[in-house]
Amino acid sequence: MPEAHRIEVLLLDADGVLQYMPRRWASAILGNPTWPGVERLLEIEAPFLDGRRREGFPEAVAQLLREHRSTITTEEFFAAWSSITAEESALDLVRRVQARGVRCYLATNQQWMRAEVMRDGRLYDDLDGGYYSYELGVKKPDPAYFDHIVRDLGVQRDRVLFVDDTWPNVVGARAAGIRAAHKPYADGVAGLERVLRWHGLL
């Protein structure tokens, strides 16, 4: 077991760690045979995630749907896309970690529209703060993303643990000199609990 007592800061990804695919998204969007696919969405979203673009995402989505002759309307897309809920059982784990004196922060790739949905919903008010890629001007897995966080928090790199469901992001964090754990999406909240226990945070 790692030297868990040294961890002072816990960084947590949002999607796939604290929040999961809304049923509305799965049924209304992914279940539609005319949906262009997540990879195409990620392609058009990329410049918004690192802040290179701020305006124009709804228009980009509308164009994507038109190009693929999708029957999904822009309104239907954003209604499903905005139906974000945090897993309360995951937040309970975070509170238990905080009770041990460990600061907990979001470390997430988000563009400003979705970040505002998360903030307006007050999904993560109990956390100590959050680092959104569009605000930092760099996104995971770039080690510079983690460099920014470490400098901002004024913490030693070996006293930070980062948890993400995407392996390249874990690799990027380790390249920045911080400890990182992969928690597969399919493992759900139970997987997060196992990671936290392994590192002695529960």
Protein backbone atom coordinates (compact mmCIF):
# COMPACT_ATOMS: atom_id res chain seq x y z
CA MET A 1 0.00 0.00 0.00
CA PRO A 2 1.34 3.50 -0.86
CA GLU A 3 2.39 6.02 1.79
CA ALA A 4 -1.14 7.38 1.99
CA HIS A 5 -0.52 9.65 4.95
CA ARG A 6 1.49 11.93 2.67
CA ILE A 7 -1.50 12.82 0.46
CA GLU A 8 -2.65 16.37 1.10
CA VAL A 9 -4.67 17.04 -2.05
CA LEU A 10 -7.08 14.82 -3.98
CA LEU A 11 -7.86 15.79 -7.58
CA LEU A 12 -10.94 14.18 -9.10
CA ASP A 13 -12.16 14.03 -12.67
CA ALA A 14 -15.86 14.77 -13.10
CA ASP A 15 -17.23 12.62 -15.94
CA GLY A 16 -16.70 8.96 -15.15
CA VAL A 17 -15.58 9.54 -11.57
CA LEU A 18 -18.09 11.79 -9.82
CA GLN A 19 -20.79 11.98 -12.49
CA TYR A 20 -21.96 9.48 -15.06
CA MET A 21 -23.83 9.44 -18.34
CA PRO A 22 -27.38 10.71 -17.78
CA ARG A 23 -30.11 8.29 -18.83
CA ARG A 24 -31.59 11.07 -20.93
CA TRP A 25 -28.36 11.33 -22.91
CA ALA A 26 -28.17 7.59 -23.47
CA SER A 27 -31.77 7.28 -24.64
CA ALA A 28 -32.33 10.51 -26.56
CA ILE A 29 -28.91 10.90 -28.16
CA LEU A 30 -26.83 7.72 -28.18
CA GLY A 31 -29.92 5.64 -28.88
CA ASN A 32 -30.72 7.62 -32.02
CA PRO A 33 -29.33 5.89 -35.14
CA THR A 34 -28.72 9.27 -36.79
CA TRP A 35 -26.39 10.46 -34.00
CA PRO A 36 -22.99 11.32 -35.60
CA GLY A 37 -21.03 9.75 -32.75
CA VAL A 38 -19.08 10.82 -29.69
CA GLU A 39 -15.77 11.00 -31.57
CA ARG A 40 -17.14 13.62 -33.95
CA LEU A 41 -18.54 15.58 -31.02
CA LEU A 42 -15.16 15.53 -29.29
CA GLU A 43 -13.50 16.79 -32.46
CA ILE A 44 -15.66 19.91 -32.64
CA GLU A 45 -15.53 20.41 -28.87
CA ALA A 46 -11.70 20.33 -28.63
CA PRO A 47 -11.02 24.06 -29.19
CA PHE A 48 -13.67 24.93 -26.62
CA LEU A 49 -12.19 22.64 -23.97
CA ASP A 50 -8.84 24.42 -23.86
CA GLY A 51 -10.34 27.89 -24.20
CA ARG A 52 -9.16 28.61 -27.75
CA ARG A 53 -12.81 29.26 -28.55
CA ARG A 54 -15.52 30.39 -26.18
CA GLU A 55 -18.45 31.31 -28.40
CA GLY A 56 -20.07 29.27 -31.12
CA PHE A 57 -20.45 25.79 -29.63
CA PRO A 58 -24.24 25.58 -30.18
CA GLU A 59 -23.70 26.59 -33.81
CA ALA A 60 -20.96 23.97 -34.21
CA VAL A 61 -23.27 21.27 -32.83
CA ALA A 62 -26.09 22.40 -35.13
CA GLN A 63 -23.76 22.16 -38.13
CA LEU A 64 -22.62 18.69 -37.06
CA LEU A 65 -26.20 17.48 -36.84
CA ARG A 66 -27.04 18.99 -40.24
CA GLU A 67 -23.99 17.48 -41.93
CA HIS A 68 -25.00 14.01 -40.76
CA ARG A 69 -28.68 14.62 -41.49
CA SER A 70 -29.50 13.73 -37.93
CA THR A 71 -33.09 13.81 -36.73
CA ILE A 72 -31.85 15.13 -33.38
CA THR A 73 -32.59 18.82 -32.97
CA THR A 74 -30.13 21.22 -31.36
CA GLU A 75 -32.64 21.78 -28.57
CA GLU A 76 -32.92 18.04 -27.91
CA PHE A 77 -29.15 17.70 -27.87
CA PHE A 78 -28.57 20.43 -25.30
CA ALA A 79 -31.48 19.32 -23.12
CA ALA A 80 -29.86 15.89 -22.79
CA TRP A 81 -26.30 17.25 -22.67
CA SER A 82 -27.22 19.52 -19.75
CA SER A 83 -28.94 16.84 -17.66
CA ILE A 84 -25.93 16.39 -15.38
CA THR A 85 -26.20 14.94 -11.89
CA ALA A 86 -23.41 14.09 -9.51
CA GLU A 87 -23.47 10.69 -7.84
CA GLU A 88 -24.36 11.38 -4.22
CA SER A 89 -22.58 8.23 -3.08
CA ALA A 90 -19.39 9.50 -4.74
CA LEU A 91 -19.76 12.85 -3.01
CA ASP A 92 -20.20 11.04 0.30
CA LEU A 93 -16.80 9.43 -0.27
CA VAL A 94 -15.30 12.85 -0.95
CA ARG A 95 -16.72 14.25 2.29
CA ARG A 96 -15.18 11.37 4.20
CA VAL A 97 -11.81 12.11 2.63
CA GLN A 98 -12.16 15.80 3.49
CA ALA A 99 -12.96 14.87 7.08
CA ARG A 100 -9.44 13.42 7.25
CA GLY A 101 -7.97 16.81 6.40
CA VAL A 102 -7.40 16.21 2.68
CA ARG A 103 -8.37 19.01 0.30
CA CYS A 104 -10.47 17.83 -2.65
CA TYR A 105 -10.75 19.55 -6.03
CA LEU A 106 -12.34 18.92 -9.41
CA ALA A 107 -9.81 18.48 -12.21
CA THR A 108 -11.90 18.32 -15.35
CA ASN A 109 -11.84 19.02 -19.07
CA GLN A 110 -14.89 21.20 -19.64
CA GLN A 111 -15.85 24.05 -21.90
CA TRP A 112 -17.54 27.06 -20.38
CA MET A 113 -21.14 26.14 -21.26
CA ARG A 114 -21.01 22.79 -19.49
CA ALA A 115 -18.99 24.20 -16.61
CA GLU A 116 -21.74 26.76 -16.08
CA VAL A 117 -24.35 23.99 -16.02
CA MET A 118 -22.32 22.24 -13.34
CA ARG A 119 -21.89 25.42 -11.33
CA ASP A 120 -25.51 26.53 -11.67
CA GLY A 121 -26.59 23.10 -10.46
CA ARG A 122 -24.25 23.51 -7.48
CA LEU A 123 -23.12 19.95 -8.05
CA TYR A 124 -19.77 20.35 -6.35
CA ASP A 125 -20.23 23.11 -3.81
CA ASP A 126 -18.86 20.84 -1.08
CA LEU A 127 -15.50 20.46 -2.80
CA ASP A 128 -12.67 22.82 -2.00
CA GLY A 129 -12.57 24.14 -5.55
CA GLY A 130 -12.30 23.18 -9.18
CA TYR A 131 -9.95 23.44 -12.15
CA TYR A 132 -11.70 23.65 -15.51
CA SER A 133 -9.59 23.25 -18.64
CA TYR A 134 -11.18 26.14 -20.53
CA GLU A 135 -10.13 28.52 -17.73
CA LEU A 136 -6.58 27.18 -17.59
CA GLY A 137 -6.07 27.35 -21.36
CA VAL A 138 -4.82 23.77 -21.41
CA LYS A 139 -6.50 20.41 -21.04
CA LYS A 140 -5.66 16.95 -19.78
CA PRO A 141 -3.55 14.95 -20.53
CA ASP A 142 -1.06 17.79 -21.08
CA PRO A 143 1.27 17.83 -18.04
CA ALA A 144 1.02 21.64 -18.11
CA TYR A 145 -2.57 21.27 -16.88
CA PHE A 146 -1.33 19.60 -13.71
CA ASP A 147 1.63 21.96 -13.40
CA HIS A 148 -0.81 24.86 -13.15
CA ILE A 149 -2.81 23.18 -10.39
CA VAL A 150 0.23 22.28 -8.31
CA ARG A 151 1.60 25.81 -8.54
CA ASP A 152 -1.76 27.33 -7.68
CA LEU A 153 -2.23 25.13 -4.62
CA GLY A 154 1.36 25.45 -3.47
CA VAL A 155 1.59 21.75 -2.72
CA GLN A 156 4.40 19.26 -3.25
CA ARG A 157 3.75 17.07 -6.27
CA ASP A 158 4.23 13.79 -4.41
CA ARG A 159 1.48 14.81 -2.00
CA VAL A 160 -1.17 15.00 -4.69
CA LEU A 161 -3.36 12.10 -5.86
CA PHE A 162 -5.30 12.41 -9.12
CA VAL A 163 -8.12 10.00 -10.08
CA ASP A 164 -9.46 9.73 -13.64
CA ASP A 165 -11.30 7.16 -15.74
CA THR A 166 -9.21 7.93 -18.84
CA TRP A 167 -5.79 6.30 -18.97
CA PRO A 168 -3.98 8.98 -21.03
CA ASN A 169 -4.95 11.55 -18.39
CA VAL A 170 -3.39 9.37 -15.71
CA VAL A 171 -0.21 9.14 -17.79
CA GLY A 172 -0.16 12.92 -18.20
CA ALA A 173 -0.51 13.46 -14.46
CA ARG A 174 2.33 11.06 -13.72
CA ALA A 175 4.49 12.84 -16.28
CA ALA A 176 3.88 16.01 -14.26
CA GLY A 177 5.22 14.23 -11.19
CA ILE A 178 2.01 13.68 -9.27
CA ARG A 179 0.50 10.41 -8.13
CA ALA A 180 -2.37 9.22 -10.28
CA ALA A 181 -4.81 6.33 -10.26
CA HIS A 182 -6.92 4.94 -13.08
CA LYS A 183 -10.53 4.25 -12.11
CA PRO A 184 -12.29 2.62 -15.11
CA TYR A 185 -15.67 4.12 -16.00
CA ALA A 186 -17.38 0.74 -15.72
CA ASP A 187 -16.23 0.35 -12.11
CA GLY A 188 -18.55 3.15 -11.00
CA VAL A 189 -18.54 4.57 -7.49
CA ALA A 190 -17.40 1.23 -6.08
CA GLY A 191 -14.22 1.60 -8.11
CA LEU A 192 -13.62 5.06 -6.69
CA GLU A 193 -14.02 3.71 -3.18
CA ARG A 194 -11.46 0.98 -3.89
CA VAL A 195 -8.95 3.54 -5.15
CA LEU A 196 -9.42 5.77 -2.12
CA ARG A 197 -9.09 2.83 0.26
CA TRP A 198 -5.95 1.60 -1.50
CA HIS A 199 -4.36 5.00 -0.96
CA GLY A 200 -5.45 5.08 2.68
CA LEU A 201 -7.88 7.96 2.27
CA LEU A 202 -10.86 6.07 3.72
